[in-house]
Amino acid sequence: MNGQTLCSASSTLTKIDFLQDFGDLPTIIADGDGLRLSSSTSPRVSVTETRRGTKENESCSNRGICNEELGVCSCMDYMSTSNGYGLEGQRGDCGYASQNIVDCPNENSPCNLHGTCRGKPTFRCDCQQGWTGADCSLLTCPFGKSWFGRPTSGDDYAHMSDHTVECSNMGICNRATGACTCMEGFEGAACNLMSCPGKQPNQPACSDRGECLSMSQLATHATRNGDDTSFTYGATPNNHFTWDFDMVQGCMCHEGFAGYDCALSTCASGDNPHTEGQVNEIQSLYCKATLSTGRITVSFRRQSSVELTSVSTVAELELALETLNSIVDVSIGTLDRTTTPICSSAGTTTIIEFRSPTGDVPLLGLDIVDIDEAFVIEQTSGTKEDEVCSGRGLCDRATGACTCFPGFGSSDGQGGKGILDDCGYVVPIFRCEDGSLEC
């Protein structure tokens, strides 16, 4: 700069030539927050590109083979390290020709028969798909979106599908086999998948208790209160906020298991017997059908019942609901349950009380065929808890069994003694004839 000041009150223009960094480089980012002016004018620093770099920035100057383990170029015949401008130097880049180049690499089998020689004046090889290197002797590896790297689009977005790299920048390419060796925690042909947890050697991921799914797939399986949602992730093409929709993976555990790796067993849940003034969920099913051939299927928390007909009885409806894994016990208060149909030509309303599960459960779903009208409404919102071990015990995550606190045992879901192993039953205290608790 010959002693020139970089900044001044009247403005200074500084030209920067990149002498050893070639190609179209990103613009320098200048931070002027530390600058001050004595006048009221605010200081300003700006950087603009006055000339775009057009030189190549190729590995080993495309005149040698890179040893990617050592980071050293093995140059072709008559080529050696240069100064970056075609003369002999110390860059280690194979950019200096000790004599005139008159043929492509491997003159007896130009480009190793895996490419086409351009001829004069460059004598470069244009390799066939799947091959690379100055002489087309190296296999390429699968390409994928980069896990990390500089932004490549005009909007400074990275990881987009219009710019893919070998092994997704998360593995080493074996040039002899064309296969990626991925870093720990990543997998896929192009190292383009983040591995799911809970994977033992030669064993499935997720502790063999769940499915390994992408973020996009997990979004479609997401639930709220046991019901399906409309969540998506990556459904909008080229959305830079969800670039990893098909790369990051996680576990969706099978029923009865939980945890990030599905290694934990779940325990029974139910109402806390020490809370009072709470009620069960009550829903009403209305069904109007003039045809006896009408068909109706009831669903709850992503599970569907067997197909019922318009002349099926209330007892058959109750049995169909309790057959679902998502429902333990419902009560349908009808005097003659074995003969009362769930539908009629005038319309029938059936009251359904949820005894287990407890809490504010989602509405029953209906799928109808040849039914005039059918719907479900919530009569009473359930206010009871649905706590693990009813809040009166500890869950053994290894076995999925509740260890109840003293004085509590397995309930029927409604505070009575039962077989749910949920600690929701208050064990009565009996005294001996002498008044003691131990007889």
Protein backbone atom coordinates (compact mmCIF):
# COMPACT_ATOMS: atom_id res chain seq x y z
CA MET A 1 0.00 0.00 0.00
CA ASN A 2 3.09 2.21 0.06
CA GLY A 3 2.19 3.81 3.39
CA GLN A 4 -1.35 4.78 2.35
CA THR A 5 -3.89 5.05 5.16
CA LEU A 6 -6.62 2.41 4.94
CA CYS A 7 -9.35 4.76 6.21
CA SER A 8 -9.70 8.53 6.23
CA ALA A 9 -12.32 11.19 6.92
CA SER A 10 -12.57 12.01 3.22
CA SER A 11 -12.78 8.33 2.18
CA THR A 12 -10.11 6.01 0.84
CA LEU A 13 -10.29 3.45 -1.95
CA THR A 14 -8.12 0.39 -1.47
CA LYS A 15 -7.59 -2.25 -4.15
CA ILE A 16 -6.89 -5.83 -3.03
CA ASP A 17 -5.50 -8.37 -5.51
CA PHE A 18 -5.65 -12.03 -4.50
CA LEU A 19 -2.34 -13.37 -5.75
CA GLN A 20 -2.41 -16.93 -4.46
CA ASP A 21 -6.14 -17.62 -3.95
CA PHE A 22 -7.59 -18.34 -7.37
CA GLY A 23 -11.06 -18.56 -8.85
CA ASP A 24 -14.25 -16.61 -8.16
CA LEU A 25 -13.80 -15.86 -4.46
CA PRO A 26 -16.43 -14.68 -1.98
CA THR A 27 -16.48 -11.00 -1.11
CA ILE A 28 -14.50 -9.86 1.93
CA ILE A 29 -16.70 -9.01 4.93
CA ALA A 30 -15.55 -5.76 6.53
CA ASP A 31 -16.67 -4.88 10.07
CA GLY A 32 -16.60 -1.12 10.64
CA ASP A 33 -18.26 -1.10 14.06
CA GLY A 34 -15.03 0.04 15.69
CA LEU A 35 -14.60 3.10 13.47
CA ARG A 36 -15.32 6.61 14.80
CA LEU A 37 -15.50 10.10 13.22
CA SER A 38 -15.19 13.37 15.10
CA SER A 39 -18.00 14.87 13.02
CA SER A 40 -21.66 13.86 13.14
CA THR A 41 -21.21 11.72 10.01
CA SER A 42 -21.37 7.97 10.59
CA PRO A 43 -18.34 5.98 9.35
CA ARG A 44 -18.98 3.49 6.57
CA VAL A 45 -17.03 0.58 5.10
CA SER A 46 -18.10 -1.18 1.91
CA VAL A 47 -16.53 -3.87 -0.26
CA THR A 48 -17.32 -4.45 -3.93
CA GLU A 49 -15.96 -6.86 -6.52
CA THR A 50 -14.17 -4.95 -9.29
CA ARG A 51 -12.87 -7.96 -11.20
CA ARG A 52 -14.08 -11.54 -11.01
CA GLY A 53 -11.40 -14.21 -10.71
CA THR A 54 -11.44 -16.54 -13.71
CA LYS A 55 -8.46 -18.80 -13.02
CA GLU A 56 -9.10 -22.41 -12.09
CA ASN A 57 -8.64 -23.57 -8.51
CA GLU A 58 -8.32 -27.28 -9.22
CA SER A 59 -6.84 -30.01 -7.09
CA CYS A 60 -3.17 -30.48 -8.08
CA SER A 61 -3.89 -28.01 -10.93
CA ASN A 62 -5.55 -30.96 -12.71
CA ARG A 63 -2.04 -32.13 -13.63
CA GLY A 64 -1.58 -34.63 -10.84
CA ILE A 65 -3.26 -37.01 -8.42
CA CYS A 66 -3.94 -35.92 -4.84
CA ASN A 67 -3.08 -38.30 -2.02
CA GLU A 68 -6.04 -37.33 0.18
CA GLU A 69 -4.61 -39.01 3.26
CA LEU A 70 -1.35 -37.02 3.11
CA GLY A 71 -2.59 -33.97 1.25
CA VAL A 72 0.27 -34.28 -1.26
CA CYS A 73 0.08 -34.07 -5.08
CA SER A 74 1.69 -36.75 -7.25
CA CYS A 75 2.32 -34.87 -10.49
CA MET A 76 2.08 -36.18 -14.04
CA ASP A 77 5.14 -36.51 -16.27
CA TYR A 78 6.88 -33.21 -16.94
CA MET A 79 4.76 -31.42 -14.31
CA SER A 80 5.90 -30.17 -10.90
CA THR A 81 5.14 -27.58 -8.25
CA SER A 82 4.58 -23.99 -9.41
CA ASN A 83 4.41 -20.44 -8.12
CA GLY A 84 0.78 -20.15 -9.19
CA TYR A 85 1.63 -18.43 -12.47
CA GLY A 86 3.04 -21.26 -14.56
CA LEU A 87 6.58 -20.92 -13.27
CA GLU A 88 8.49 -23.18 -10.90
CA GLY A 89 7.61 -22.55 -7.27
CA GLN A 90 6.72 -24.01 -3.87
CA ARG A 91 2.92 -24.37 -3.98
CA GLY A 92 3.03 -28.17 -4.43
CA ASP A 93 0.30 -27.94 -7.06
CA CYS A 94 1.65 -29.54 -10.27
CA GLY A 95 1.13 -26.23 -12.07
CA TYR A 96 4.60 -25.97 -13.66
CA ALA A 97 5.43 -27.74 -16.95
CA SER A 98 9.13 -28.50 -17.36
CA GLN A 99 8.59 -28.89 -21.11
CA ASN A 100 5.87 -28.24 -23.66
CA ILE A 101 2.73 -30.36 -23.16
CA VAL A 102 1.89 -32.21 -26.38
CA ASP A 103 -0.49 -34.95 -25.21
CA CYS A 104 -3.02 -35.83 -22.53
CA PRO A 105 -1.90 -37.90 -19.52
CA ASN A 106 -1.07 -41.55 -20.21
CA GLU A 107 -0.31 -41.05 -23.89
CA ASN A 108 -0.50 -44.79 -24.73
CA SER A 109 -4.06 -44.95 -23.36
CA PRO A 110 -5.15 -41.34 -23.27
CA CYS A 111 -7.16 -40.50 -20.18
CA ASN A 112 -6.98 -44.22 -19.26
CA LEU A 113 -9.79 -44.82 -21.76
CA HIS A 114 -12.18 -43.32 -19.19
CA GLY A 115 -12.35 -39.90 -20.77
CA THR A 116 -11.78 -37.74 -23.84
CA CYS A 117 -8.62 -35.75 -24.57
CA ARG A 118 -9.33 -32.14 -25.50
CA GLY A 119 -6.14 -31.76 -27.53
CA LYS A 120 -4.43 -28.44 -28.17
CA PRO A 121 -3.74 -26.19 -26.42
CA THR A 122 -4.73 -27.57 -22.98
CA PHE A 123 -4.44 -31.35 -23.50
CA ARG A 124 -6.88 -31.87 -20.63
CA CYS A 125 -9.00 -34.94 -19.97
CA ASP A 126 -12.79 -34.69 -19.83
CA CYS A 127 -13.61 -37.75 -17.75
CA GLN A 128 -16.64 -39.98 -18.19
CA GLN A 129 -19.25 -39.99 -15.46
CA GLY A 130 -17.98 -41.92 -12.46
CA TRP A 131 -14.32 -41.14 -13.13
CA THR A 132 -12.10 -38.24 -12.07
CA GLY A 133 -8.49 -37.15 -11.74
CA ALA A 134 -6.10 -35.55 -14.22
CA ASP A 135 -5.83 -38.84 -16.12
CA CYS A 136 -9.37 -40.18 -15.33
CA SER A 137 -7.86 -43.03 -13.34
CA LEU A 138 -9.83 -42.45 -10.13
CA LEU A 139 -13.38 -43.48 -9.33
CA THR A 140 -15.79 -40.89 -8.01
CA CYS A 141 -17.98 -41.55 -4.98
CA PRO A 142 -21.70 -40.86 -4.58
CA PHE A 143 -22.68 -37.21 -4.22
CA GLY A 144 -25.08 -35.68 -1.70
CA LYS A 145 -26.05 -32.37 -0.16
CA SER A 146 -23.20 -30.99 1.92
CA TRP A 147 -23.50 -31.27 5.69
CA PHE A 148 -21.29 -28.21 5.98
CA GLY A 149 -19.77 -25.76 3.57
CA ARG A 150 -19.93 -22.23 2.25
CA PRO A 151 -23.21 -20.84 0.88
CA THR A 152 -23.51 -21.60 -2.81
CA SER A 153 -26.64 -19.77 -3.92
CA GLY A 154 -27.22 -16.13 -4.70
CA ASP A 155 -29.18 -15.77 -1.47
CA ASP A 156 -26.28 -17.10 0.62
CA TYR A 157 -28.04 -20.41 1.27
CA ALA A 158 -26.06 -23.59 1.82
CA HIS A 159 -26.83 -27.32 1.69
CA MET A 160 -29.19 -26.97 -1.28
CA SER A 161 -29.76 -29.79 -3.76
CA ASP A 162 -28.35 -27.76 -6.66
CA HIS A 163 -24.87 -28.11 -5.16
CA THR A 164 -23.85 -31.63 -4.16
CA VAL A 165 -20.47 -32.93 -3.05
CA GLU A 166 -18.83 -36.31 -2.76
CA CYS A 167 -19.69 -38.19 0.42
CA SER A 168 -21.70 -35.12 1.50
CA ASN A 169 -18.55 -33.68 3.11
CA MET A 170 -18.98 -36.24 5.88
CA GLY A 171 -16.79 -39.08 4.65
CA ILE A 172 -13.66 -40.08 2.76
CA CYS A 173 -13.88 -41.32 -0.82
CA ASN A 174 -12.01 -44.52 -1.61
CA ARG A 175 -10.83 -43.73 -5.14
CA ALA A 176 -10.04 -47.37 -5.83
CA THR A 177 -13.56 -48.63 -5.06
CA GLY A 178 -15.71 -45.52 -5.45
CA ALA A 179 -17.22 -46.06 -2.00
CA CYS A 180 -17.50 -43.56 0.86
CA THR A 181 -16.11 -44.30 4.30
CA CYS A 182 -18.39 -42.23 6.54
CA MET A 183 -17.55 -40.50 9.77
CA GLU A 184 -18.99 -42.02 12.93
CA GLY A 185 -22.65 -41.18 13.26
CA PHE A 186 -23.33 -41.00 9.52
CA GLU A 187 -24.32 -43.57 6.94
CA GLY A 188 -25.73 -43.97 3.44
CA ALA A 189 -23.96 -44.39 0.11
CA ALA A 190 -23.03 -40.69 0.14
CA CYS A 191 -22.80 -40.38 3.95
CA ASN A 192 -25.98 -38.38 3.46
CA LEU A 193 -27.87 -39.84 6.43
CA MET A 194 -27.40 -39.15 10.12
CA SER A 195 -27.46 -42.53 11.85
CA CYS A 196 -30.23 -43.30 14.30
CA PRO A 197 -29.22 -44.02 17.92
CA GLY A 198 -29.50 -47.35 19.64
CA LYS A 199 -27.61 -49.31 17.00
CA GLN A 200 -25.40 -52.20 18.04
CA PRO A 201 -23.02 -54.02 15.64
CA ASN A 202 -25.03 -56.10 13.14
CA GLN A 203 -28.24 -55.07 14.86
CA PRO A 204 -31.05 -52.72 13.76
CA ALA A 205 -31.10 -49.14 15.00
CA CYS A 206 -33.48 -47.82 17.68
CA SER A 207 -32.60 -50.75 19.94
CA ASP A 208 -34.66 -52.96 17.60
CA ARG A 209 -37.74 -51.44 19.25
CA GLY A 210 -38.61 -48.82 16.66
CA GLU A 211 -38.17 -47.54 13.12
CA CYS A 212 -35.39 -45.26 11.93
CA LEU A 213 -37.10 -42.50 9.92
CA SER A 214 -36.12 -39.20 8.36
CA MET A 215 -37.35 -35.86 9.69
CA SER A 216 -39.78 -35.71 6.78
CA GLN A 217 -41.21 -39.13 7.64
CA LEU A 218 -41.33 -38.42 11.37
CA ALA A 219 -43.37 -35.27 10.72
CA THR A 220 -46.06 -37.28 8.93
CA HIS A 221 -46.24 -39.67 11.89
CA ALA A 222 -46.45 -36.93 14.52
CA THR A 223 -49.43 -37.05 16.88
CA ARG A 224 -51.18 -34.71 19.29
CA ASN A 225 -53.09 -36.40 22.09
CA GLY A 226 -52.74 -39.63 20.13
CA ASP A 227 -54.34 -38.28 16.94
CA ASP A 228 -52.78 -37.51 13.57
CA THR A 229 -51.58 -33.99 12.84
CA SER A 230 -51.00 -32.05 9.65
CA PHE A 231 -47.31 -31.40 10.36
CA THR A 232 -44.86 -31.58 7.48
CA TYR A 233 -41.12 -31.04 7.21
CA GLY A 234 -39.48 -30.57 3.85
CA ALA A 235 -42.72 -30.83 1.88
CA THR A 236 -42.02 -27.45 0.25
CA PRO A 237 -39.33 -27.94 -2.42
CA ASN A 238 -36.05 -26.01 -2.08
CA ASN A 239 -36.93 -24.56 1.31
CA HIS A 240 -33.55 -23.62 2.80
CA PHE A 241 -34.93 -23.88 6.35
CA THR A 242 -35.69 -27.60 5.91
CA TRP A 243 -32.72 -28.66 3.76
CA ASP A 244 -32.05 -31.62 6.08
CA PHE A 245 -35.54 -33.12 5.74
CA ASP A 246 -34.23 -36.32 4.12
CA MET A 247 -30.88 -36.43 5.94
CA VAL A 248 -31.40 -36.14 9.70
CA GLN A 249 -32.98 -39.29 11.14
CA GLY A 250 -34.60 -40.24 14.42
CA CYS A 251 -36.41 -43.12 16.07
CA MET A 252 -40.16 -43.71 16.02
CA CYS A 253 -40.63 -46.20 18.83
CA HIS A 254 -42.97 -49.16 18.74
CA GLU A 255 -45.86 -49.23 21.18
CA GLY A 256 -44.62 -49.90 24.69
CA PHE A 257 -41.22 -48.27 24.21
CA ALA A 258 -39.88 -44.74 24.51
CA GLY A 259 -36.71 -42.66 24.64
CA TYR A 260 -34.53 -41.16 21.92
CA ASP A 261 -33.22 -44.66 21.14
CA CYS A 262 -36.37 -46.61 22.15
CA ALA A 263 -34.38 -48.33 24.89
CA LEU A 264 -36.93 -47.49 27.60
CA SER A 265 -40.11 -49.43 28.35
CA THR A 266 -43.28 -47.48 29.07
CA CYS A 267 -45.45 -48.04 32.12
CA ALA A 268 -49.19 -47.95 32.66
CA SER A 269 -50.79 -44.56 33.25
CA GLY A 270 -54.00 -43.48 34.91
CA ASP A 271 -55.88 -41.17 37.25
CA ASN A 272 -54.24 -39.94 40.43
CA PRO A 273 -56.49 -41.29 43.24
CA HIS A 274 -55.57 -38.40 45.55
CA THR A 275 -57.24 -35.75 43.38
CA GLU A 276 -60.97 -35.18 43.73
CA GLY A 277 -63.83 -33.51 41.86
CA GLN A 278 -62.76 -34.77 38.43
CA VAL A 279 -64.85 -36.44 35.74
CA ASN A 280 -64.50 -38.90 32.89
CA GLU A 281 -64.71 -37.91 29.22
CA ILE A 282 -68.19 -38.39 27.76
CA GLN A 283 -68.91 -38.35 24.04
CA SER A 284 -72.12 -38.88 22.12
CA LEU A 285 -72.45 -40.74 18.83
CA TYR A 286 -75.38 -39.80 16.62
CA CYS A 287 -76.29 -42.12 13.74
CA LYS A 288 -79.17 -41.91 11.29
CA ALA A 289 -79.57 -44.66 8.66
CA THR A 290 -82.56 -45.73 6.58
CA LEU A 291 -80.74 -48.70 5.03
CA SER A 292 -79.91 -51.80 7.04
CA THR A 293 -76.81 -52.29 4.86
CA GLY A 294 -75.11 -49.14 6.15
CA ARG A 295 -71.57 -49.63 7.41
CA ILE A 296 -69.68 -47.69 10.06
CA THR A 297 -66.11 -47.92 11.38
CA VAL A 298 -65.03 -46.12 14.56
CA SER A 299 -61.45 -44.97 15.12
CA PHE A 300 -59.57 -43.68 18.15
CA ARG A 301 -55.97 -42.55 18.37
CA ARG A 302 -54.99 -43.88 14.95
CA GLN A 303 -56.62 -47.28 15.45
CA SER A 304 -59.79 -48.43 13.70
CA SER A 305 -62.43 -50.82 14.93
CA VAL A 306 -63.92 -53.73 13.07
CA GLU A 307 -66.65 -52.73 10.63
CA LEU A 308 -70.08 -52.38 12.21
CA THR A 309 -73.42 -52.12 10.43
CA SER A 310 -76.32 -49.75 10.92
CA VAL A 311 -78.13 -52.51 12.82
CA SER A 312 -75.21 -53.37 15.10
CA THR A 313 -76.09 -53.13 18.77
CA VAL A 314 -74.67 -50.92 21.48
CA ALA A 315 -73.03 -53.98 23.03
CA GLU A 316 -71.25 -54.69 19.73
CA LEU A 317 -70.07 -51.07 19.59
CA GLU A 318 -68.69 -51.31 23.12
CA LEU A 319 -66.88 -54.54 22.30
CA ALA A 320 -65.46 -53.06 19.10
CA LEU A 321 -64.09 -50.05 21.01
CA GLU A 322 -62.57 -52.09 23.82
CA THR A 323 -60.87 -54.36 21.30
CA LEU A 324 -58.69 -51.40 20.27
CA ASN A 325 -55.30 -51.23 21.96
CA SER A 326 -55.84 -47.51 22.54
CA ILE A 327 -58.99 -48.09 24.66
CA VAL A 328 -59.16 -50.19 27.82
CA ASP A 329 -62.66 -49.59 29.12
CA VAL A 330 -65.72 -47.63 28.01
CA SER A 331 -69.21 -47.59 29.45
CA ILE A 332 -72.33 -47.18 27.32
CA GLY A 333 -75.30 -46.58 29.59
CA THR A 334 -78.20 -48.20 27.77
CA LEU A 335 -80.74 -50.42 29.49
CA ASP A 336 -80.93 -53.09 26.81
CA ARG A 337 -77.50 -53.01 25.23
CA THR A 338 -77.84 -56.31 23.36
CA THR A 339 -80.85 -55.23 21.32
CA THR A 340 -80.55 -51.45 21.01
CA PRO A 341 -79.04 -50.54 17.60
CA ILE A 342 -76.52 -47.74 17.22
CA CYS A 343 -78.41 -46.32 14.21
CA SER A 344 -82.06 -45.85 13.30
CA SER A 345 -84.13 -44.20 10.57
CA ALA A 346 -85.13 -41.44 13.00
CA GLY A 347 -81.59 -41.06 14.39
CA THR A 348 -80.09 -42.54 17.55
CA THR A 349 -77.74 -40.95 20.09
CA THR A 350 -75.43 -43.24 22.03
CA ILE A 351 -73.60 -41.92 25.12
CA ILE A 352 -70.05 -43.24 25.54
CA GLU A 353 -68.10 -42.72 28.78
CA PHE A 354 -64.34 -43.26 28.73
CA ARG A 355 -63.23 -45.03 31.90
CA SER A 356 -59.73 -45.83 30.64
CA PRO A 357 -57.87 -44.00 29.21
CA THR A 358 -58.68 -41.01 31.39
CA GLY A 359 -58.17 -37.32 30.72
CA ASP A 360 -59.33 -35.09 27.86
CA VAL A 361 -59.17 -37.68 25.09
CA PRO A 362 -59.68 -36.90 21.37
CA LEU A 363 -63.01 -37.38 19.65
CA LEU A 364 -63.85 -40.71 18.12
CA GLY A 365 -63.51 -40.78 14.35
CA LEU A 366 -66.10 -42.19 11.97
CA ASP A 367 -65.90 -43.76 8.52
CA ILE A 368 -69.37 -44.35 7.08
CA VAL A 369 -70.88 -45.99 4.00
CA ASP A 370 -74.61 -45.84 3.15
CA ILE A 371 -75.27 -43.97 6.42
CA ASP A 372 -77.53 -40.91 6.14
CA GLU A 373 -75.81 -38.94 8.89
CA ALA A 374 -73.34 -39.69 11.68
CA PHE A 375 -71.17 -37.56 13.93
CA VAL A 376 -69.54 -37.49 17.36
CA ILE A 377 -69.57 -34.57 19.79
CA GLU A 378 -67.99 -34.09 23.21
CA GLN A 379 -70.56 -33.95 25.98
CA THR A 380 -68.13 -33.68 28.90
CA SER A 381 -64.41 -32.98 28.72
CA GLY A 382 -62.42 -35.43 30.80
CA THR A 383 -60.59 -33.72 33.69
CA LYS A 384 -58.91 -36.70 35.32
CA GLU A 385 -55.16 -37.13 35.04
CA ASP A 386 -53.47 -39.69 32.86
CA GLU A 387 -50.17 -39.84 34.73
CA VAL A 388 -47.48 -42.49 34.55
CA CYS A 389 -48.11 -44.93 37.41
CA SER A 390 -51.02 -42.63 38.32
CA GLY A 391 -48.52 -40.34 40.03
CA ARG A 392 -48.42 -42.86 42.91
CA GLY A 393 -45.46 -45.01 41.90
CA LEU A 394 -42.17 -45.17 40.03
CA CYS A 395 -41.82 -46.55 36.52
CA ASP A 396 -39.14 -49.19 35.99
CA ARG A 397 -37.97 -48.24 32.50
CA ALA A 398 -36.20 -51.56 32.09
CA THR A 399 -39.30 -53.72 32.64
CA GLY A 400 -42.18 -51.31 32.06
CA ALA A 401 -43.66 -52.13 35.46
CA CYS A 402 -44.84 -49.66 38.09
CA THR A 403 -43.45 -49.94 41.61
CA CYS A 404 -46.26 -48.45 43.67
CA PHE A 405 -45.72 -46.33 46.75
CA PRO A 406 -46.86 -47.96 50.02
CA GLY A 407 -50.64 -47.88 50.27
CA PHE A 408 -51.27 -47.97 46.52
CA GLY A 409 -51.89 -50.81 44.08
CA SER A 410 -53.30 -51.84 40.72
CA SER A 411 -56.62 -50.21 39.82
CA ASP A 412 -59.51 -50.63 37.41
CA GLY A 413 -58.95 -47.10 36.04
CA GLN A 414 -61.67 -45.64 38.25
CA GLY A 415 -60.07 -45.91 41.69
CA GLY A 416 -61.25 -49.43 42.38
CA LYS A 417 -59.11 -52.53 42.62
CA GLY A 418 -58.19 -53.89 39.19
CA ILE A 419 -55.59 -55.34 36.87
CA LEU A 420 -54.15 -52.25 35.16
CA ASP A 421 -50.92 -52.22 37.25
CA ASP A 422 -51.13 -48.42 37.40
CA CYS A 423 -50.91 -47.65 41.17
CA GLY A 424 -54.30 -45.93 40.93
CA TYR A 425 -55.93 -47.93 43.73
CA VAL A 426 -55.77 -46.86 47.37
CA VAL A 427 -55.20 -50.03 49.39
CA PRO A 428 -57.55 -50.12 52.43
CA ILE A 429 -55.87 -50.16 55.81
CA PHE A 430 -57.24 -52.88 58.11
CA ARG A 431 -56.42 -52.94 61.79
CA CYS A 432 -55.99 -56.07 63.82
CA GLU A 433 -58.19 -56.88 66.80
CA ASP A 434 -55.61 -55.29 69.09
CA GLY A 435 -55.64 -52.10 66.97
CA SER A 436 -52.24 -52.65 65.36
CA LEU A 437 -51.54 -52.63 61.60
CA GLU A 438 -49.56 -55.88 61.70
CA CYS A 439 -51.43 -59.05 62.63
